[in-house]
Amino acid sequence: MNAAPDSEASETSANGGTAALIADIVGSRTLPDRAGAQAAILGVLERAGEGLDVRRAPWATVGDEFQVVLGSREDAVAYTARVHLLLPVDLGLRFGIGIGDALTLEATAHDGASLEDGSAWWAARDAIDRAHRLEDSGHPTARTWMCATDDGPATAVPNGLLLIRDHVIARMKARERRIAAGLLMGRTQVDLGAEEGIGQSAVSQSAHRSGAADLLLVQRMLLEEGR
Protein backbone atom coordinates (compact mmCIF):
# COMPACT_ATOMS: atom_id res chain seq x y z
CA MET A 1 0.00 0.00 0.00
CA ASN A 2 0.97 3.64 -0.31
CA ALA A 3 2.76 5.71 2.27
CA ALA A 4 0.64 7.37 4.92
CA PRO A 5 1.32 10.92 6.10
CA ASP A 6 4.61 11.34 7.99
CA SER A 7 2.79 12.93 10.93
CA GLU A 8 1.16 9.61 11.70
CA ALA A 9 4.20 7.40 11.10
CA SER A 10 4.52 6.46 14.78
CA GLU A 11 1.05 4.95 14.99
CA THR A 12 0.57 1.20 14.62
CA SER A 13 -2.89 -0.36 14.54
CA ALA A 14 -4.56 -3.67 13.83
CA ASN A 15 -8.22 -4.51 14.14
CA GLY A 16 -10.07 -7.41 12.55
CA GLY A 17 -13.11 -5.18 12.07
CA THR A 18 -11.25 -2.23 10.57
CA ALA A 19 -12.55 -0.69 7.33
CA ALA A 20 -9.87 0.38 4.86
CA LEU A 21 -11.17 2.63 2.08
CA ILE A 22 -9.65 3.29 -1.33
CA ALA A 23 -11.27 6.00 -3.45
CA ASP A 24 -10.59 7.22 -6.96
CA ILE A 25 -11.96 10.12 -8.96
CA VAL A 26 -14.61 9.26 -11.52
CA GLY A 27 -13.54 10.59 -14.93
CA SER A 28 -10.38 12.18 -13.55
CA ARG A 29 -8.72 12.47 -16.96
CA THR A 30 -11.45 14.77 -18.23
CA LEU A 31 -11.28 17.24 -15.33
CA PRO A 32 -10.16 20.74 -16.41
CA ASP A 33 -8.46 21.38 -13.03
CA ARG A 34 -7.29 18.14 -11.43
CA ALA A 35 -5.30 19.88 -8.69
CA GLY A 36 -8.31 21.97 -7.70
CA ALA A 37 -10.54 18.90 -7.78
CA GLN A 38 -8.18 16.95 -5.52
CA ALA A 39 -8.08 19.80 -3.00
CA ALA A 40 -11.88 20.02 -2.96
CA ILE A 41 -12.18 16.27 -2.53
CA LEU A 42 -9.74 16.19 0.39
CA GLY A 43 -11.80 18.88 2.09
CA VAL A 44 -14.96 16.80 1.68
CA LEU A 45 -13.21 13.64 2.87
CA GLU A 46 -12.13 15.41 6.06
CA ARG A 47 -15.55 16.94 6.70
CA ALA A 48 -17.36 13.63 6.15
CA GLY A 49 -15.51 12.04 9.06
CA GLU A 50 -17.08 14.29 11.70
CA GLY A 51 -18.37 12.18 14.58
CA LEU A 52 -17.22 8.88 13.04
CA ASP A 53 -14.43 6.56 14.18
CA VAL A 54 -11.74 7.72 11.76
CA ARG A 55 -8.59 5.71 12.55
CA ARG A 56 -6.39 7.35 9.89
CA ALA A 57 -7.26 10.71 8.36
CA PRO A 58 -7.74 10.73 4.58
CA TRP A 59 -4.69 11.27 2.39
CA ALA A 60 -4.00 11.46 -1.33
CA THR A 61 -1.90 8.79 -3.02
CA VAL A 62 -0.81 8.31 -6.63
CA GLY A 63 -3.06 8.13 -9.66
CA ASP A 64 -5.91 10.30 -8.33
CA GLU A 65 -6.51 7.90 -5.45
CA PHE A 66 -7.27 8.58 -1.80
CA GLN A 67 -7.18 6.37 1.28
CA VAL A 68 -8.73 6.49 4.75
CA VAL A 69 -9.19 4.03 7.62
CA LEU A 70 -12.38 3.81 9.71
CA GLY A 71 -13.16 1.71 12.74
CA SER A 72 -16.03 -0.39 11.42
CA ARG A 73 -18.14 -1.44 8.45
CA GLU A 74 -20.97 0.77 9.72
CA ASP A 75 -18.71 3.82 9.88
CA ALA A 76 -17.55 3.10 6.33
CA VAL A 77 -21.13 2.94 5.04
CA ALA A 78 -22.04 6.21 6.76
CA TYR A 79 -18.82 7.87 5.62
CA THR A 80 -19.21 6.99 1.94
CA ALA A 81 -22.82 8.20 1.93
CA ARG A 82 -21.74 11.54 3.37
CA VAL A 83 -18.94 11.92 0.83
CA HIS A 84 -21.20 11.18 -2.15
CA LEU A 85 -23.70 13.76 -0.88
CA LEU A 86 -21.17 16.47 0.06
CA LEU A 87 -19.22 16.39 -3.21
CA PRO A 88 -20.11 18.99 -5.85
CA VAL A 89 -22.42 17.51 -8.48
CA ASP A 90 -19.65 17.71 -11.09
CA LEU A 91 -17.26 15.59 -9.00
CA GLY A 92 -17.58 11.92 -8.16
CA LEU A 93 -15.64 9.33 -6.20
CA ARG A 94 -15.65 5.55 -6.49
CA PHE A 95 -15.06 3.64 -3.25
CA GLY A 96 -13.72 0.21 -2.40
CA ILE A 97 -14.34 -0.77 1.22
CA GLY A 98 -12.20 -3.57 2.66
CA ILE A 99 -13.01 -5.21 6.00
CA GLY A 100 -10.18 -6.97 7.81
CA ASP A 101 -6.85 -6.08 9.41
CA ALA A 102 -5.34 -2.67 8.66
CA LEU A 103 -1.71 -2.46 9.73
CA THR A 104 0.63 0.51 9.85
CA LEU A 105 4.23 -0.52 9.15
CA GLU A 106 6.35 2.19 10.69
CA ALA A 107 9.20 3.89 8.82
CA THR A 108 9.34 1.33 6.04
CA ALA A 109 9.19 3.70 3.08
CA HIS A 110 12.39 5.08 1.56
CA ASP A 111 11.63 8.56 2.92
CA GLY A 112 10.95 7.33 6.45
CA ALA A 113 7.15 7.50 6.17
CA SER A 114 4.88 4.66 7.25
CA LEU A 115 3.20 2.18 4.92
CA GLU A 116 -0.26 0.67 5.12
CA ASP A 117 -0.66 -3.09 4.83
CA GLY A 118 -3.01 -5.86 5.89
CA SER A 119 -5.96 -7.87 4.62
CA ALA A 120 -8.36 -4.91 4.74
CA TRP A 121 -6.30 -3.12 2.09
CA TRP A 122 -6.24 -6.08 -0.27
CA ALA A 123 -10.00 -6.46 0.19
CA ALA A 124 -10.44 -2.74 -0.54
CA ARG A 125 -8.49 -3.11 -3.78
CA ASP A 126 -10.70 -6.03 -4.81
CA ALA A 127 -13.76 -3.96 -3.92
CA ILE A 128 -12.84 -0.91 -5.98
CA ASP A 129 -12.01 -3.16 -8.94
CA ARG A 130 -15.48 -4.68 -8.59
CA ALA A 131 -17.05 -1.19 -8.52
CA HIS A 132 -15.24 -0.39 -11.78
CA ARG A 133 -16.53 -3.59 -13.38
CA LEU A 134 -20.09 -2.88 -12.27
CA GLU A 135 -20.02 0.57 -13.82
CA ASP A 136 -18.55 -0.80 -17.05
CA SER A 137 -21.16 -3.56 -17.23
CA GLY A 138 -24.21 -1.30 -17.34
CA HIS A 139 -24.58 0.03 -13.79
CA PRO A 140 -23.48 3.66 -14.24
CA THR A 141 -24.53 4.81 -10.76
CA ALA A 142 -22.54 2.10 -8.90
CA ARG A 143 -20.00 3.99 -6.82
CA THR A 144 -19.34 1.79 -3.77
CA TRP A 145 -18.53 -1.87 -3.14
CA MET A 146 -17.45 -3.82 -0.08
CA CYS A 147 -15.27 -6.91 0.28
CA ALA A 148 -14.21 -8.74 3.44
CA THR A 149 -11.59 -11.28 4.37
CA ASP A 150 -12.60 -14.94 4.60
CA ASP A 151 -13.41 -14.63 8.29
CA GLY A 152 -15.03 -11.23 7.94
CA PRO A 153 -18.72 -10.30 7.96
CA ALA A 154 -21.07 -11.20 5.12
CA THR A 155 -21.29 -8.44 2.52
CA ALA A 156 -24.11 -9.50 0.17
CA VAL A 157 -26.82 -7.50 1.96
CA PRO A 158 -24.67 -4.39 2.54
CA ASN A 159 -23.61 -4.39 -1.12
CA GLY A 160 -27.22 -4.63 -2.26
CA LEU A 161 -28.06 -1.64 -0.08
CA LEU A 162 -25.02 0.27 -1.35
CA LEU A 163 -26.08 -0.23 -4.97
CA ILE A 164 -29.57 1.09 -4.26
CA ARG A 165 -28.25 3.91 -2.08
CA ASP A 166 -25.83 5.13 -4.74
CA HIS A 167 -28.59 5.03 -7.37
CA VAL A 168 -30.84 7.17 -5.13
CA ILE A 169 -28.04 9.70 -4.49
CA ALA A 170 -27.20 9.92 -8.20
CA ARG A 171 -30.76 11.07 -8.93
CA MET A 172 -30.73 13.84 -6.31
CA LYS A 173 -30.49 17.51 -7.18
CA ALA A 174 -27.95 19.78 -5.49
CA ARG A 175 -30.28 21.06 -2.75
CA GLU A 176 -31.59 17.56 -2.07
CA ARG A 177 -28.02 16.38 -1.59
CA ARG A 178 -27.24 19.18 0.84
CA ILE A 179 -30.34 18.40 2.87
CA ALA A 180 -29.66 14.66 2.85
CA ALA A 181 -26.03 15.22 3.90
CA GLY A 182 -27.13 17.46 6.76
CA LEU A 183 -29.67 14.97 8.03
CA LEU A 184 -27.17 12.09 7.83
CA MET A 185 -24.73 14.18 9.86
CA GLY A 186 -27.26 14.90 12.59
CA ARG A 187 -28.45 18.38 11.61
CA THR A 188 -32.02 19.39 12.40
CA GLN A 189 -34.60 20.14 9.76
CA VAL A 190 -35.06 23.60 11.24
CA ASP A 191 -31.37 24.46 10.89
CA LEU A 192 -31.19 23.08 7.37
CA GLY A 193 -34.29 25.02 6.38
CA ALA A 194 -32.78 28.26 7.68
CA GLU A 195 -29.64 27.68 5.61
CA GLU A 196 -31.63 26.90 2.47
CA GLY A 197 -34.14 29.73 2.97
CA ILE A 198 -37.10 27.34 3.22
CA GLY A 199 -39.35 26.12 6.02
CA GLN A 200 -39.00 22.98 8.10
CA SER A 201 -41.93 21.36 6.32
CA ALA A 202 -40.24 21.92 2.95
CA VAL A 203 -37.09 20.20 4.26
CA SER A 204 -39.20 17.24 5.39
CA GLN A 205 -40.92 17.05 2.00
CA SER A 206 -37.57 17.18 0.23
CA ALA A 207 -36.19 14.37 2.41
CA HIS A 208 -39.11 12.08 1.61
CA ARG A 209 -39.31 13.00 -2.07
CA SER A 210 -35.59 12.57 -2.74
CA GLY A 211 -35.14 9.37 -0.73
CA ALA A 212 -33.05 10.99 2.04
CA ALA A 213 -35.49 9.74 4.67
CA ASP A 214 -35.00 6.20 3.40
CA LEU A 215 -31.21 6.64 3.50
CA LEU A 216 -31.51 7.60 7.17
CA LEU A 217 -33.56 4.48 7.85
CA VAL A 218 -31.05 2.23 6.07
CA GLN A 219 -28.19 3.77 8.04
CA ARG A 220 -30.00 3.11 11.32
CA MET A 221 -30.69 -0.49 10.28
CA LEU A 222 -27.04 -1.12 9.47
CA LEU A 223 -25.92 0.44 12.77
CA GLU A 224 -28.31 -1.78 14.72
CA GLU A 225 -27.13 -4.86 12.81
CA GLY A 226 -23.53 -4.05 13.67
CA ARG A 227 -24.13 -3.82 17.42
C-alpha atoms as a PDB file:
ATOM      1  CA  MET A   1       0.000   0.000   0.000  1.00  0.00           C
ATOM      2  CA  ASN A   2       0.974   3.645  -0.308  1.00  0.00           C
ATOM      3  CA  ALA A   3       2.761   5.714   2.270  1.00  0.00           C
ATOM      4  CA  ALA A   4       0.638   7.370   4.917  1.00  0.00           C
ATOM      5  CA  PRO A   5       1.320  10.924   6.101  1.00  0.00           C
ATOM      6  CA  ASP A   6       4.610  11.337   7.994  1.00  0.00           C
ATOM      7  CA  SER A   7       2.790  12.926  10.935  1.00  0.00           C
ATOM      8  CA  GLU A   8       1.162   9.611  11.696  1.00  0.00           C
ATOM      9  CA  ALA A   9       4.195   7.397  11.102  1.00  0.00           C
ATOM     10  CA  SER A  10       4.521   6.462  14.782  1.00  0.00           C
ATOM     11  CA  GLU A  11       1.051   4.953  14.986  1.00  0.00           C
ATOM     12  CA  THR A  12       0.566   1.202  14.622  1.00  0.00           C
ATOM     13  CA  SER A  13      -2.891  -0.362  14.540  1.00  0.00           C
ATOM     14  CA  ALA A  14      -4.563  -3.674  13.825  1.00  0.00           C
ATOM     15  CA  ASN A  15      -8.218  -4.505  14.137  1.00  0.00           C
ATOM     16  CA  GLY A  16     -10.072  -7.410  12.546  1.00  0.00           C
ATOM     17  CA  GLY A  17     -13.110  -5.184  12.068  1.00  0.00           C
ATOM     18  CA  THR A  18     -11.252  -2.230  10.570  1.00  0.00           C
ATOM     19  CA  ALA A  19     -12.549  -0.690   7.333  1.00  0.00           C
ATOM     20  CA  ALA A  20      -9.870   0.384   4.860  1.00  0.00           C
ATOM     21  CA  LEU A  21     -11.175   2.629   2.076  1.00  0.00           C
ATOM     22  CA  ILE A  22      -9.647   3.293  -1.326  1.00  0.00           C
ATOM     23  CA  ALA A  23     -11.273   5.997  -3.451  1.00  0.00           C
ATOM     24  CA  ASP A  24     -10.588   7.216  -6.956  1.00  0.00           C
ATOM     25  CA  ILE A  25     -11.960  10.124  -8.963  1.00  0.00           C
ATOM     26  CA  VAL A  26     -14.611   9.255 -11.524  1.00  0.00           C
ATOM     27  CA  GLY A  27     -13.544  10.590 -14.933  1.00  0.00           C
ATOM     28  CA  SER A  28     -10.379  12.179 -13.545  1.00  0.00           C
ATOM     29  CA  ARG A  29      -8.718  12.468 -16.963  1.00  0.00           C
ATOM     30  CA  THR A  30     -11.452  14.771 -18.232  1.00  0.00           C
ATOM     31  CA  LEU A  31     -11.282  17.240 -15.334  1.00  0.00           C
ATOM     32  CA  PRO A  32     -10.156  20.736 -16.410  1.00  0.00           C
ATOM     33  CA  ASP A  33      -8.464  21.376 -13.034  1.00  0.00           C
ATOM     34  CA  ARG A  34      -7.294  18.135 -11.426  1.00  0.00           C
ATOM     35  CA  ALA A  35      -5.299  19.878  -8.690  1.00  0.00           C
ATOM     36  CA  GLY A  36      -8.307  21.965  -7.702  1.00  0.00           C
ATOM     37  CA  ALA A  37     -10.544  18.898  -7.776  1.00  0.00           C
ATOM     38  CA  GLN A  38      -8.181  16.950  -5.517  1.00  0.00           C
ATOM     39  CA  ALA A  39      -8.081  19.804  -3.001  1.00  0.00           C
ATOM     40  CA  ALA A  40     -11.882  20.024  -2.963  1.00  0.00           C
ATOM     41  CA  ILE A  41     -12.182  16.266  -2.534  1.00  0.00           C
ATOM     42  CA  LEU A  42      -9.742  16.189   0.388  1.00  0.00           C
ATOM     43  CA  GLY A  43     -11.803  18.885   2.092  1.00  0.00           C
ATOM     44  CA  VAL A  44     -14.965  16.805   1.681  1.00  0.00           C
ATOM     45  CA  LEU A  45     -13.209  13.639   2.873  1.00  0.00           C
ATOM     46  CA  GLU A  46     -12.134  15.409   6.057  1.00  0.00           C
ATOM     47  CA  ARG A  47     -15.554  16.940   6.700  1.00  0.00           C
ATOM     48  CA  ALA A  48     -17.361  13.634   6.149  1.00  0.00           C
ATOM     49  CA  GLY A  49     -15.513  12.036   9.062  1.00  0.00           C
ATOM     50  CA  GLU A  50     -17.076  14.288  11.697  1.00  0.00           C
ATOM     51  CA  GLY A  51     -18.370  12.176  14.584  1.00  0.00           C
ATOM     52  CA  LEU A  52     -17.221   8.878  13.043  1.00  0.00           C
ATOM     53  CA  ASP A  53     -14.428   6.559  14.184  1.00  0.00           C
ATOM     54  CA  VAL A  54     -11.738   7.722  11.764  1.00  0.00           C
ATOM     55  CA  ARG A  55      -8.589   5.713  12.552  1.00  0.00           C
ATOM     56  CA  ARG A  56      -6.394   7.354   9.888  1.00  0.00           C
ATOM     57  CA  ALA A  57      -7.263  10.711   8.365  1.00  0.00           C
ATOM     58  CA  PRO A  58      -7.738  10.734   4.579  1.00  0.00           C
ATOM     59  CA  TRP A  59      -4.689  11.272   2.391  1.00  0.00           C
ATOM     60  CA  ALA A  60      -4.002  11.456  -1.334  1.00  0.00           C
ATOM     61  CA  THR A  61      -1.904   8.788  -3.019  1.00  0.00           C
ATOM     62  CA  VAL A  62      -0.805   8.312  -6.629  1.00  0.00           C
ATOM     63  CA  GLY A  63      -3.055   8.131  -9.661  1.00  0.00           C
ATOM     64  CA  ASP A  64      -5.911  10.297  -8.330  1.00  0.00           C
ATOM     65  CA  GLU A  65      -6.508   7.895  -5.445  1.00  0.00           C
ATOM     66  CA  PHE A  66      -7.267   8.583  -1.797  1.00  0.00           C
ATOM     67  CA  GLN A  67      -7.176   6.369   1.276  1.00  0.00           C
ATOM     68  CA  VAL A  68      -8.731   6.490   4.753  1.00  0.00           C
ATOM     69  CA  VAL A  69      -9.194   4.034   7.621  1.00  0.00           C
ATOM     70  CA  LEU A  70     -12.380   3.812   9.710  1.00  0.00           C
ATOM     71  CA  GLY A  71     -13.156   1.709  12.738  1.00  0.00           C
ATOM     72  CA  SER A  72     -16.032  -0.393  11.421  1.00  0.00           C
ATOM     73  CA  ARG A  73     -18.135  -1.441   8.452  1.00  0.00           C
ATOM     74  CA  GLU A  74     -20.970   0.765   9.725  1.00  0.00           C
ATOM     75  CA  ASP A  75     -18.711   3.816   9.883  1.00  0.00           C
ATOM     76  CA  ALA A  76     -17.552   3.103   6.327  1.00  0.00           C
ATOM     77  CA  VAL A  77     -21.132   2.941   5.036  1.00  0.00           C
ATOM     78  CA  ALA A  78     -22.043   6.213   6.760  1.00  0.00           C
ATOM     79  CA  TYR A  79     -18.823   7.866   5.615  1.00  0.00           C
ATOM     80  CA  THR A  80     -19.206   6.995   1.941  1.00  0.00           C
ATOM     81  CA  ALA A  81     -22.816   8.201   1.934  1.00  0.00           C
ATOM     82  CA  ARG A  82     -21.739  11.539   3.369  1.00  0.00           C
ATOM     83  CA  VAL A  83     -18.942  11.916   0.831  1.00  0.00           C
ATOM     84  CA  HIS A  84     -21.202  11.177  -2.148  1.00  0.00           C
ATOM     85  CA  LEU A  85     -23.698  13.761  -0.883  1.00  0.00           C
ATOM     86  CA  LEU A  86     -21.174  16.468   0.057  1.00  0.00           C
ATOM     87  CA  LEU A  87     -19.223  16.392  -3.205  1.00  0.00           C
ATOM     88  CA  PRO A  88     -20.108  18.994  -5.848  1.00  0.00           C
ATOM     89  CA  VAL A  89     -22.421  17.513  -8.482  1.00  0.00           C
ATOM     90  CA  ASP A  90     -19.645  17.709 -11.085  1.00  0.00           C
ATOM     91  CA  LEU A  91     -17.259  15.594  -9.000  1.00  0.00           C
ATOM     92  CA  GLY A  92     -17.582  11.924  -8.157  1.00  0.00           C
ATOM     93  CA  LEU A  93     -15.644   9.329  -6.205  1.00  0.00           C
ATOM     94  CA  ARG A  94     -15.652   5.554  -6.492  1.00  0.00           C
ATOM     95  CA  PHE A  95     -15.063   3.640  -3.247  1.00  0.00           C
ATOM     96  CA  GLY A  96     -13.718   0.214  -2.401  1.00  0.00           C
ATOM     97  CA  ILE A  97     -14.339  -0.774   1.225  1.00  0.00           C
ATOM     98  CA  GLY A  98     -12.202  -3.567   2.664  1.00  0.00           C
ATOM     99  CA  ILE A  99     -13.012  -5.206   6.002  1.00  0.00           C
ATOM    100  CA  GLY A 100     -10.177  -6.972   7.810  1.00  0.00           C
ATOM    101  CA  ASP A 101      -6.850  -6.083   9.409  1.00  0.00           C
ATOM    102  CA  ALA A 102      -5.342  -2.673   8.660  1.00  0.00           C
ATOM    103  CA  LEU A 103      -1.711  -2.457   9.735  1.00  0.00           C
ATOM    104  CA  THR A 104       0.634   0.505   9.854  1.00  0.00           C
ATOM    105  CA  LEU A 105       4.234  -0.518   9.147  1.00  0.00           C
ATOM    106  CA  GLU A 106       6.352   2.193  10.695  1.00  0.00           C
ATOM    107  CA  ALA A 107       9.195   3.893   8.823  1.00  0.00           C
ATOM    108  CA  THR A 108       9.336   1.331   6.042  1.00  0.00           C
ATOM    109  CA  ALA A 109       9.194   3.703   3.077  1.00  0.00           C
ATOM    110  CA  HIS A 110      12.391   5.084   1.557  1.00  0.00           C
ATOM    111  CA  ASP A 111      11.632   8.561   2.923  1.00  0.00           C
ATOM    112  CA  GLY A 112      10.949   7.334   6.449  1.00  0.00           C
ATOM    113  CA  ALA A 113       7.148   7.498   6.167  1.00  0.00           C
ATOM    114  CA  SER A 114       4.880   4.661   7.250  1.00  0.00           C
ATOM    115  CA  LEU A 115       3.202   2.184   4.925  1.00  0.00           C
ATOM    116  CA  GLU A 116      -0.263   0.674   5.115  1.00  0.00           C
ATOM    117  CA  ASP A 117      -0.660  -3.090   4.835  1.00  0.00           C
ATOM    118  CA  GLY A 118      -3.014  -5.860   5.888  1.00  0.00           C
ATOM    119  CA  SER A 119      -5.963  -7.873   4.624  1.00  0.00           C
ATOM    120  CA  ALA A 120      -8.363  -4.913   4.743  1.00  0.00           C
ATOM    121  CA  TRP A 121      -6.301  -3.115   2.092  1.00  0.00           C
ATOM    122  CA  TRP A 122      -6.241  -6.084  -0.268  1.00  0.00           C
ATOM    123  CA  ALA A 123      -9.999  -6.462   0.192  1.00  0.00           C
ATOM    124  CA  ALA A 124     -10.435  -2.738  -0.536  1.00  0.00           C
ATOM    125  CA  ARG A 125      -8.489  -3.112  -3.779  1.00  0.00           C
ATOM    126  CA  ASP A 126     -10.696  -6.027  -4.814  1.00  0.00           C
ATOM    127  CA  ALA A 127     -13.759  -3.956  -3.921  1.00  0.00           C
ATOM    128  CA  ILE A 128     -12.840  -0.911  -5.984  1.00  0.00           C
ATOM    129  CA  ASP A 129     -12.008  -3.156  -8.942  1.00  0.00           C
ATOM    130  CA  ARG A 130     -15.483  -4.677  -8.589  1.00  0.00           C
ATOM    131  CA  ALA A 131     -17.046  -1.190  -8.519  1.00  0.00           C
ATOM    132  CA  HIS A 132     -15.243  -0.393 -11.775  1.00  0.00           C
ATOM    133  CA  ARG A 133     -16.531  -3.586 -13.378  1.00  0.00           C
ATOM    134  CA  LEU A 134     -20.093  -2.880 -12.270  1.00  0.00           C
ATOM    135  CA  GLU A 135     -20.023   0.573 -13.823  1.00  0.00           C
ATOM    136  CA  ASP A 136     -18.549  -0.796 -17.046  1.00  0.00           C
ATOM    137  CA  SER A 137     -21.164  -3.561 -17.233  1.00  0.00           C
ATOM    138  CA  GLY A 138     -24.210  -1.296 -17.340  1.00  0.00           C
ATOM    139  CA  HIS A 139     -24.578   0.034 -13.786  1.00  0.00           C
ATOM    140  CA  PRO A 140     -23.481   3.658 -14.237  1.00  0.00           C
ATOM    141  CA  THR A 141     -24.525   4.813 -10.756  1.00  0.00           C
ATOM    142  CA  ALA A 142     -22.537   2.099  -8.904  1.00  0.00           C
ATOM    143  CA  ARG A 143     -20.002   3.990  -6.817  1.00  0.00           C
ATOM    144  CA  THR A 144     -19.337   1.792  -3.770  1.00  0.00           C
ATOM    145  CA  TRP A 145     -18.528  -1.867  -3.138  1.00  0.00           C
ATOM    146  CA  MET A 146     -17.451  -3.817  -0.078  1.00  0.00           C
ATOM    147  CA  CYS A 147     -15.275  -6.914   0.282  1.00  0.00           C
ATOM    148  CA  ALA A 148     -14.212  -8.740   3.444  1.00  0.00           C
ATOM    149  CA  THR A 149     -11.589 -11.281   4.369  1.00  0.00           C
ATOM    150  CA  ASP A 150     -12.605 -14.939   4.605  1.00  0.00           C
ATOM    151  CA  ASP A 151     -13.411 -14.632   8.294  1.00  0.00           C
ATOM    152  CA  GLY A 152     -15.027 -11.231   7.941  1.00  0.00           C
ATOM    153  CA  PRO A 153     -18.717 -10.298   7.956  1.00  0.00           C
ATOM    154  CA  ALA A 154     -21.068 -11.197   5.120  1.00  0.00           C
ATOM    155  CA  THR A 155     -21.288  -8.443   2.517  1.00  0.00           C
ATOM    156  CA  ALA A 156     -24.109  -9.495   0.171  1.00  0.00           C
ATOM    157  CA  VAL A 157     -26.823  -7.499   1.965  1.00  0.00           C
ATOM    158  CA  PRO A 158     -24.672  -4.385   2.541  1.00  0.00           C
ATOM    159  CA  ASN A 159     -23.608  -4.387  -1.121  1.00  0.00           C
ATOM    160  CA  GLY A 160     -27.220  -4.632  -2.259  1.00  0.00           C
ATOM    161  CA  LEU A 161     -28.064  -1.639  -0.083  1.00  0.00           C
ATOM    162  CA  LEU A 162     -25.020   0.268  -1.350  1.00  0.00           C
ATOM    163  CA  LEU A 163     -26.080  -0.235  -4.971  1.00  0.00           C
ATOM    164  CA  ILE A 164     -29.571   1.086  -4.259  1.00  0.00           C
ATOM    165  CA  ARG A 165     -28.246   3.906  -2.075  1.00  0.00           C
ATOM    166  CA  ASP A 166     -25.827   5.128  -4.739  1.00  0.00           C
ATOM    167  CA  HIS A 167     -28.585   5.033  -7.366  1.00  0.00           C
ATOM    168  CA  VAL A 168     -30.836   7.175  -5.133  1.00  0.00           C
ATOM    169  CA  ILE A 169     -28.041   9.696  -4.491  1.00  0.00           C
ATOM    170  CA  ALA A 170     -27.198   9.921  -8.203  1.00  0.00           C
ATOM    171  CA  ARG A 171     -30.763  11.070  -8.926  1.00  0.00           C
ATOM    172  CA  MET A 172     -30.731  13.840  -6.305  1.00  0.00           C
ATOM    173  CA  LYS A 173     -30.490  17.506  -7.181  1.00  0.00           C
ATOM    174  CA  ALA A 174     -27.946  19.784  -5.494  1.00  0.00           C
ATOM    175  CA  ARG A 175     -30.275  21.059  -2.750  1.00  0.00           C
ATOM    176  CA  GLU A 176     -31.593  17.562  -2.069  1.00  0.00           C
ATOM    177  CA  ARG A 177     -28.022  16.379  -1.592  1.00  0.00           C
ATOM    178  CA  ARG A 178     -27.243  19.183   0.835  1.00  0.00           C
ATOM    179  CA  ILE A 179     -30.344  18.396   2.870  1.00  0.00           C
ATOM    180  CA  ALA A 180     -29.658  14.662   2.849  1.00  0.00           C
ATOM    181  CA  ALA A 181     -26.033  15.218   3.903  1.00  0.00           C
ATOM    182  CA  GLY A 182     -27.126  17.464   6.762  1.00  0.00           C
ATOM    183  CA  LEU A 183     -29.668  14.967   8.027  1.00  0.00           C
ATOM    184  CA  LEU A 184     -27.171  12.087   7.831  1.00  0.00           C
ATOM    185  CA  MET A 185     -24.728  14.177   9.857  1.00  0.00           C
ATOM    186  CA  GLY A 186     -27.256  14.903  12.594  1.00  0.00           C
ATOM    187  CA  ARG A 187     -28.446  18.376  11.612  1.00  0.00           C
ATOM    188  CA  THR A 188     -32.016  19.387  12.396  1.00  0.00           C
ATOM    189  CA  GLN A 189     -34.605  20.136   9.756  1.00  0.00           C
ATOM    190  CA  VAL A 190     -35.064  23.600  11.240  1.00  0.00           C
ATOM    191  CA  ASP A 191     -31.371  24.464  10.895  1.00  0.00           C
ATOM    192  CA  LEU A 192     -31.189  23.079   7.368  1.00  0.00           C
ATOM    193  CA  GLY A 193     -34.293  25.021   6.376  1.00  0.00           C
ATOM    194  CA  ALA A 194     -32.780  28.262   7.681  1.00  0.00           C
ATOM    195  CA  GLU A 195     -29.639  27.679   5.608  1.00  0.00           C
ATOM    196  CA  GLU A 196     -31.634  26.904   2.474  1.00  0.00           C
ATOM    197  CA  GLY A 197     -34.141  29.729   2.971  1.00  0.00           C
ATOM    198  CA  ILE A 198     -37.099  27.335   3.224  1.00  0.00           C
ATOM    199  CA  GLY A 199     -39.353  26.123   6.019  1.00  0.00           C
ATOM    200  CA  GLN A 200     -38.995  22.977   8.098  1.00  0.00           C
ATOM    201  CA  SER A 201     -41.931  21.362   6.316  1.00  0.00           C
ATOM    202  CA  ALA A 202     -40.237  21.920   2.949  1.00  0.00           C
ATOM    203  CA  VAL A 203     -37.094  20.203   4.263  1.00  0.00           C
ATOM    204  CA  SER A 204     -39.200  17.242   5.390  1.00  0.00           C
ATOM    205  CA  GLN A 205     -40.922  17.055   2.002  1.00  0.00           C
ATOM    206  CA  SER A 206     -37.569  17.177   0.226  1.00  0.00           C
ATOM    207  CA  ALA A 207     -36.190  14.370   2.408  1.00  0.00           C
ATOM    208  CA  HIS A 208     -39.112  12.081   1.608  1.00  0.00           C
ATOM    209  CA  ARG A 209     -39.313  12.998  -2.069  1.00  0.00           C
ATOM    210  CA  SER A 210     -35.587  12.567  -2.741  1.00  0.00           C
ATOM    211  CA  GLY A 211     -35.135   9.371  -0.733  1.00  0.00           C
ATOM    212  CA  ALA A 212     -33.047  10.989   2.040  1.00  0.00           C
ATOM    213  CA  ALA A 213     -35.495   9.740   4.668  1.00  0.00           C
ATOM    214  CA  ASP A 214     -35.000   6.201   3.404  1.00  0.00           C
ATOM    215  CA  LEU A 215     -31.208   6.636   3.503  1.00  0.00           C
ATOM    216  CA  LEU A 216     -31.513   7.603   7.173  1.00  0.00           C
ATOM    217  CA  LEU A 217     -33.559   4.478   7.847  1.00  0.00           C
ATOM    218  CA  VAL A 218     -31.046   2.226   6.065  1.00  0.00           C
ATOM    219  CA  GLN A 219     -28.188   3.773   8.042  1.00  0.00           C
ATOM    220  CA  ARG A 220     -29.998   3.107  11.324  1.00  0.00           C
ATOM    221  CA  MET A 221     -30.686  -0.489  10.279  1.00  0.00           C
ATOM    222  CA  LEU A 222     -27.035  -1.116   9.472  1.00  0.00           C
ATOM    223  CA  LEU A 223     -25.923   0.441  12.771  1.00  0.00           C
ATOM    224  CA  GLU A 224     -28.314  -1.778  14.717  1.00  0.00           C
ATOM    225  CA  GLU A 225     -27.132  -4.856  12.806  1.00  0.00           C
ATOM    226  CA  GLY A 226     -23.533  -4.055  13.669  1.00  0.00           C
ATOM    227  CA  ARG A 227     -24.131  -3.815  17.420  1.00  0.00           C
END
